[in-house]
Structures are given as C-alpha cells and as structure tokens.
Amino acid sequence: MPDPNGNNDSFSAADIDVAIYLEARNQEFLYNSLPTIFYIGFLSVMGLVGNSIVFMVYYKRYHASSAMRYYVLAMSVTDMLTNAQNLPAEFLEMRFHSTFRWGWACSILRHIRSFLIGLSTMLLVAVAVNRKQVCSLKLTNIVKTTGHDSLSLV
C-alpha cells in the first residue's frame, strides 16, 4: 500500500523498530567513541601538516639525488595519502557503525587502506635494507682502519 508521499515501499513496524534500534546503537557507539575520534582527528591533522613539511623540505632543500631523499619523499607522500584516506574512513566507520549502507565504498576503502599499508611496509623495508648496506660499508671501513691503526701501535 502506498504511503502518503506516493512511495510504494512498504515498511513494517518491525523494520522501523530495527532502524530505530540501529540508529540508537550508532549514537551510543559514537558517544562512546568520542575520545578516539578526537585522537584520530588530532593524528590526522598532525600527520598531514608534518608530512607536508617533510615533503617541502626534502623536495626544495635537498637537491642531491640520493636514495634516502627519494625514500623520504615517497614515505611522506604515502603517509599523507594514508592520513587523507584512512583516517576519514575510520570516522565514517565509527559514525555509521551499525548502519553503513554502502558496501561497495567500504570494500574500496579497505582495498586502498591495504594497498597504502603494504606500500608503507615496502618503503620501510627498502629504507632498512639501504641503511644496512650503508652501515655495513662504514663498519667494514672502520674495522679495516682500526685494525691497521692497532697493528701500527704494536
């Protein structure tokens, strides 16, 4: 039976009760999550500002083409994207905890989040490998130099 607005959708009293219950759960979850939401908002703002500063400094100030410069630039861009995408997605999940109706958006956001986390992980591993190679070369030079100095003292 159509309602007064001309819609042919029929909602039973049970459907309306479920919707009211779910919205009440959303409000309760939102109220309980306010400290977390403020903390995530603070992290988001600080992350965007901090990574923007790092990007500008490394892009404008350091012109030497070193691997570390490119790693830092890539890491700052990845972190800015993570802050711009993941943290607002967390807000949406907290706000519509029980009634998030856009399944396709949830799926896309989770895939983007997984990609960005994987990219950050690969960049951190690349930085660690690069640092290990640099430190190994320096350590080898230090050992060789120290060995020669100690032999000359004897």
C-alpha atoms as a PDB file:
ATOM      1  CA  MET A   1       0.000   0.000   0.000  1.00  0.00           C
ATOM      2  CA  PRO A   2       1.487   3.365  -0.979  1.00  0.00           C
ATOM      3  CA  ASP A   3       2.256   5.869   1.720  1.00  0.00           C
ATOM      4  CA  PRO A   4       1.007   9.481   1.596  1.00  0.00           C
ATOM      5  CA  ASN A   5       4.152  10.595  -0.268  1.00  0.00           C
ATOM      6  CA  GLY A   6       3.447   8.209  -3.133  1.00  0.00           C
ATOM      7  CA  ASN A   7       6.179   5.667  -2.341  1.00  0.00           C
ATOM      8  CA  ASN A   8       5.299   2.055  -2.947  1.00  0.00           C
ATOM      9  CA  ASP A   9       7.802   0.821  -0.393  1.00  0.00           C
ATOM     10  CA  SER A  10       6.108  -0.949   2.429  1.00  0.00           C
ATOM     11  CA  PHE A  11       7.836  -0.905   5.747  1.00  0.00           C
ATOM     12  CA  SER A  12       6.519  -2.967   8.568  1.00  0.00           C
ATOM     13  CA  ALA A  13       6.589  -1.906  12.169  1.00  0.00           C
ATOM     14  CA  ALA A  14       9.417  -4.408  12.714  1.00  0.00           C
ATOM     15  CA  ASP A  15      11.540  -2.723  10.011  1.00  0.00           C
ATOM     16  CA  ILE A  16      11.008   0.662  11.612  1.00  0.00           C
ATOM     17  CA  ASP A  17      11.840  -0.753  15.058  1.00  0.00           C
ATOM     18  CA  VAL A  18      15.076  -2.249  13.693  1.00  0.00           C
ATOM     19  CA  ALA A  19      16.042   1.051  12.055  1.00  0.00           C
ATOM     20  CA  ILE A  20      15.360   2.943  15.292  1.00  0.00           C
ATOM     21  CA  TYR A  21      17.351   0.363  17.270  1.00  0.00           C
ATOM     22  CA  LEU A  22      20.307   0.518  14.867  1.00  0.00           C
ATOM     23  CA  GLU A  23      20.351   4.314  14.900  1.00  0.00           C
ATOM     24  CA  ALA A  24      20.290   4.255  18.705  1.00  0.00           C
ATOM     25  CA  ARG A  25      23.256   1.859  18.614  1.00  0.00           C
ATOM     26  CA  ASN A  26      25.046   4.217  16.227  1.00  0.00           C
ATOM     27  CA  GLN A  27      24.504   7.133  18.590  1.00  0.00           C
ATOM     28  CA  GLU A  28      25.668   5.119  21.609  1.00  0.00           C
ATOM     29  CA  PHE A  29      28.777   3.905  19.772  1.00  0.00           C
ATOM     30  CA  LEU A  30      29.513   7.435  18.577  1.00  0.00           C
ATOM     31  CA  TYR A  31      29.195   8.802  22.108  1.00  0.00           C
ATOM     32  CA  ASN A  32      31.497   6.087  23.487  1.00  0.00           C
ATOM     33  CA  SER A  33      33.999   6.682  20.665  1.00  0.00           C
ATOM     34  CA  LEU A  34      34.332  10.460  21.018  1.00  0.00           C
ATOM     35  CA  PRO A  35      37.775  10.341  22.684  1.00  0.00           C
ATOM     36  CA  THR A  36      39.007   8.031  19.929  1.00  0.00           C
ATOM     37  CA  ILE A  37      37.532  10.282  17.259  1.00  0.00           C
ATOM     38  CA  PHE A  38      39.247  13.344  18.720  1.00  0.00           C
ATOM     39  CA  TYR A  39      42.542  11.449  18.951  1.00  0.00           C
ATOM     40  CA  ILE A  40      42.285  10.233  15.344  1.00  0.00           C
ATOM     41  CA  GLY A  41      41.404  13.763  14.226  1.00  0.00           C
ATOM     42  CA  PHE A  42      44.458  15.117  16.041  1.00  0.00           C
ATOM     43  CA  LEU A  43      46.667  12.445  14.438  1.00  0.00           C
ATOM     44  CA  SER A  44      45.208  13.204  11.024  1.00  0.00           C
ATOM     45  CA  VAL A  45      45.890  16.932  11.247  1.00  0.00           C
ATOM     46  CA  MET A  46      49.369  16.451  12.687  1.00  0.00           C
ATOM     47  CA  GLY A  47      50.175  13.788  10.089  1.00  0.00           C
ATOM     48  CA  LEU A  48      49.084  15.946   7.188  1.00  0.00           C
ATOM     49  CA  VAL A  49      50.924  19.014   8.460  1.00  0.00           C
ATOM     50  CA  GLY A  50      54.083  17.123   9.449  1.00  0.00           C
ATOM     51  CA  ASN A  51      54.345  15.123   6.252  1.00  0.00           C
ATOM     52  CA  SER A  52      53.684  18.238   4.176  1.00  0.00           C
ATOM     53  CA  ILE A  53      56.572  19.991   5.910  1.00  0.00           C
ATOM     54  CA  VAL A  54      58.866  16.974   5.422  1.00  0.00           C
ATOM     55  CA  PHE A  55      57.932  16.793   1.746  1.00  0.00           C
ATOM     56  CA  MET A  56      58.527  20.507   1.164  1.00  0.00           C
ATOM     57  CA  VAL A  57      61.876  20.475   2.983  1.00  0.00           C
ATOM     58  CA  TYR A  58      63.209  17.391   1.199  1.00  0.00           C
ATOM     59  CA  TYR A  59      61.852  18.479  -2.166  1.00  0.00           C
ATOM     60  CA  LYS A  60      63.103  22.080  -2.073  1.00  0.00           C
ATOM     61  CA  ARG A  61      66.165  21.925   0.157  1.00  0.00           C
ATOM     62  CA  TYR A  62      67.919  18.670  -0.711  1.00  0.00           C
ATOM     63  CA  HIS A  63      68.655  18.575  -4.421  1.00  0.00           C
ATOM     64  CA  ALA A  64      71.235  15.811  -4.363  1.00  0.00           C
ATOM     65  CA  SER A  65      69.812  12.678  -5.870  1.00  0.00           C
ATOM     66  CA  SER A  66      70.385  10.187  -3.087  1.00  0.00           C
ATOM     67  CA  ALA A  67      68.363   7.095  -2.384  1.00  0.00           C
ATOM     68  CA  MET A  68      67.493   8.363   1.081  1.00  0.00           C
ATOM     69  CA  ARG A  69      65.975  11.575  -0.346  1.00  0.00           C
ATOM     70  CA  TYR A  70      63.693   9.557  -2.599  1.00  0.00           C
ATOM     71  CA  TYR A  71      62.758   7.209   0.236  1.00  0.00           C
ATOM     72  CA  VAL A  72      61.830  10.133   2.486  1.00  0.00           C
ATOM     73  CA  LEU A  73      59.813  11.817  -0.279  1.00  0.00           C
ATOM     74  CA  ALA A  74      57.986   8.584  -1.104  1.00  0.00           C
ATOM     75  CA  MET A  75      57.325   7.890   2.567  1.00  0.00           C
ATOM     76  CA  SER A  76      55.937  11.387   3.179  1.00  0.00           C
ATOM     77  CA  VAL A  77      53.611  11.122   0.168  1.00  0.00           C
ATOM     78  CA  THR A  78      52.457   7.666   1.264  1.00  0.00           C
ATOM     79  CA  ASP A  79      51.814   8.905   4.797  1.00  0.00           C
ATOM     80  CA  MET A  80      49.906  11.952   3.519  1.00  0.00           C
ATOM     81  CA  LEU A  81      47.713   9.676   1.399  1.00  0.00           C
ATOM     82  CA  THR A  82      47.197   7.391   4.379  1.00  0.00           C
ATOM     83  CA  ASN A  83      46.170  10.326   6.561  1.00  0.00           C
ATOM     84  CA  ALA A  84      43.909  11.750   3.872  1.00  0.00           C
ATOM     85  CA  GLN A  85      42.162   8.439   3.151  1.00  0.00           C
ATOM     86  CA  ASN A  86      42.333   6.093   6.116  1.00  0.00           C
ATOM     87  CA  LEU A  87      41.524   8.410   8.972  1.00  0.00           C
ATOM     88  CA  PRO A  88      38.354   9.885   7.426  1.00  0.00           C
ATOM     89  CA  ALA A  89      37.333   6.317   6.594  1.00  0.00           C
ATOM     90  CA  GLU A  90      37.732   5.488  10.291  1.00  0.00           C
ATOM     91  CA  PHE A  91      35.435   8.415  11.100  1.00  0.00           C
ATOM     92  CA  LEU A  92      32.796   7.006   8.755  1.00  0.00           C
ATOM     93  CA  GLU A  93      33.086   3.556  10.293  1.00  0.00           C
ATOM     94  CA  MET A  94      32.683   4.990  13.779  1.00  0.00           C
ATOM     95  CA  ARG A  95      29.796   7.261  12.835  1.00  0.00           C
ATOM     96  CA  PHE A  96      27.822   4.617  10.934  1.00  0.00           C
ATOM     97  CA  HIS A  97      28.982   1.634  12.979  1.00  0.00           C
ATOM     98  CA  SER A  98      25.739  -0.322  12.651  1.00  0.00           C
ATOM     99  CA  THR A  99      24.133   1.215   9.568  1.00  0.00           C
ATOM    100  CA  PHE A 100      26.880   1.738   6.997  1.00  0.00           C
ATOM    101  CA  ARG A 101      24.843   1.032   3.855  1.00  0.00           C
ATOM    102  CA  TRP A 102      27.422   1.497   1.122  1.00  0.00           C
ATOM    103  CA  GLY A 103      29.085  -1.907   0.879  1.00  0.00           C
ATOM    104  CA  TRP A 104      30.975  -1.018  -2.299  1.00  0.00           C
ATOM    105  CA  ALA A 105      32.510   2.055  -0.636  1.00  0.00           C
ATOM    106  CA  CYS A 106      33.558   0.013   2.368  1.00  0.00           C
ATOM    107  CA  SER A 107      35.227  -2.509   0.068  1.00  0.00           C
ATOM    108  CA  ILE A 108      37.050   0.156  -1.947  1.00  0.00           C
ATOM    109  CA  LEU A 109      38.227   1.962   1.191  1.00  0.00           C
ATOM    110  CA  ARG A 110      39.568  -1.271   2.675  1.00  0.00           C
ATOM    111  CA  HIS A 111      41.423  -2.135  -0.532  1.00  0.00           C
ATOM    112  CA  ILE A 112      43.001   1.328  -0.665  1.00  0.00           C
ATOM    113  CA  ARG A 113      43.927   1.035   3.019  1.00  0.00           C
ATOM    114  CA  SER A 114      45.555  -2.354   2.429  1.00  0.00           C
ATOM    115  CA  PHE A 115      47.477  -1.014  -0.576  1.00  0.00           C
ATOM    116  CA  LEU A 116      48.786   2.003   1.351  1.00  0.00           C
ATOM    117  CA  ILE A 117      49.814  -0.102   4.344  1.00  0.00           C
ATOM    118  CA  GLY A 118      51.619  -2.525   2.022  1.00  0.00           C
ATOM    119  CA  LEU A 119      53.345   0.365   0.260  1.00  0.00           C
ATOM    120  CA  SER A 120      54.475   1.865   3.575  1.00  0.00           C
ATOM    121  CA  THR A 121      55.783  -1.527   4.655  1.00  0.00           C
ATOM    122  CA  MET A 122      57.753  -1.994   1.436  1.00  0.00           C
ATOM    123  CA  LEU A 123      59.233   1.505   1.731  1.00  0.00           C
ATOM    124  CA  LEU A 124      60.297   0.888   5.322  1.00  0.00           C
ATOM    125  CA  VAL A 125      61.915  -2.429   4.346  1.00  0.00           C
ATOM    126  CA  ALA A 126      63.704  -0.702   1.451  1.00  0.00           C
ATOM    127  CA  VAL A 127      64.997   2.005   3.820  1.00  0.00           C
ATOM    128  CA  ALA A 128      66.164  -0.660   6.293  1.00  0.00           C
ATOM    129  CA  VAL A 129      67.997  -2.608   3.570  1.00  0.00           C
ATOM    130  CA  ASN A 130      69.596   0.577   2.245  1.00  0.00           C
ATOM    131  CA  ARG A 131      70.689   1.650   5.742  1.00  0.00           C
ATOM    132  CA  LYS A 132      72.085  -1.825   6.451  1.00  0.00           C
ATOM    133  CA  GLN A 133      74.152  -1.689   3.273  1.00  0.00           C
ATOM    134  CA  VAL A 134      75.456   1.796   4.074  1.00  0.00           C
ATOM    135  CA  CYS A 135      76.211   0.913   7.695  1.00  0.00           C
ATOM    136  CA  SER A 136      77.890  -2.360   6.694  1.00  0.00           C
ATOM    137  CA  LEU A 137      80.206  -0.493   4.346  1.00  0.00           C
ATOM    138  CA  LYS A 138      81.037   2.085   7.020  1.00  0.00           C
ATOM    139  CA  LEU A 139      81.556  -0.611   9.655  1.00  0.00           C
ATOM    140  CA  THR A 140      83.848  -2.539   7.322  1.00  0.00           C
ATOM    141  CA  ASN A 141      85.896   0.611   6.715  1.00  0.00           C
ATOM    142  CA  ILE A 142      86.047   1.340  10.442  1.00  0.00           C
ATOM    143  CA  VAL A 143      87.214  -2.215  11.229  1.00  0.00           C
ATOM    144  CA  LYS A 144      89.857  -2.068   8.498  1.00  0.00           C
ATOM    145  CA  THR A 145      91.081   1.349   9.684  1.00  0.00           C
ATOM    146  CA  THR A 146      91.066   0.339  13.351  1.00  0.00           C
ATOM    147  CA  GLY A 147      92.905  -2.876  12.560  1.00  0.00           C
ATOM    148  CA  HIS A 148      95.653  -1.043  10.727  1.00  0.00           C
ATOM    149  CA  ASP A 149      95.973   1.538  13.486  1.00  0.00           C
ATOM    150  CA  SER A 150      96.237  -1.134  16.162  1.00  0.00           C
ATOM    151  CA  LEU A 151      98.880  -3.002  14.138  1.00  0.00           C
ATOM    152  CA  SER A 152     100.933   0.142  13.761  1.00  0.00           C
ATOM    153  CA  LEU A 153     100.813   0.730  17.508  1.00  0.00           C
ATOM    154  CA  VAL A 154     102.309  -2.707  18.211  1.00  0.00           C
END
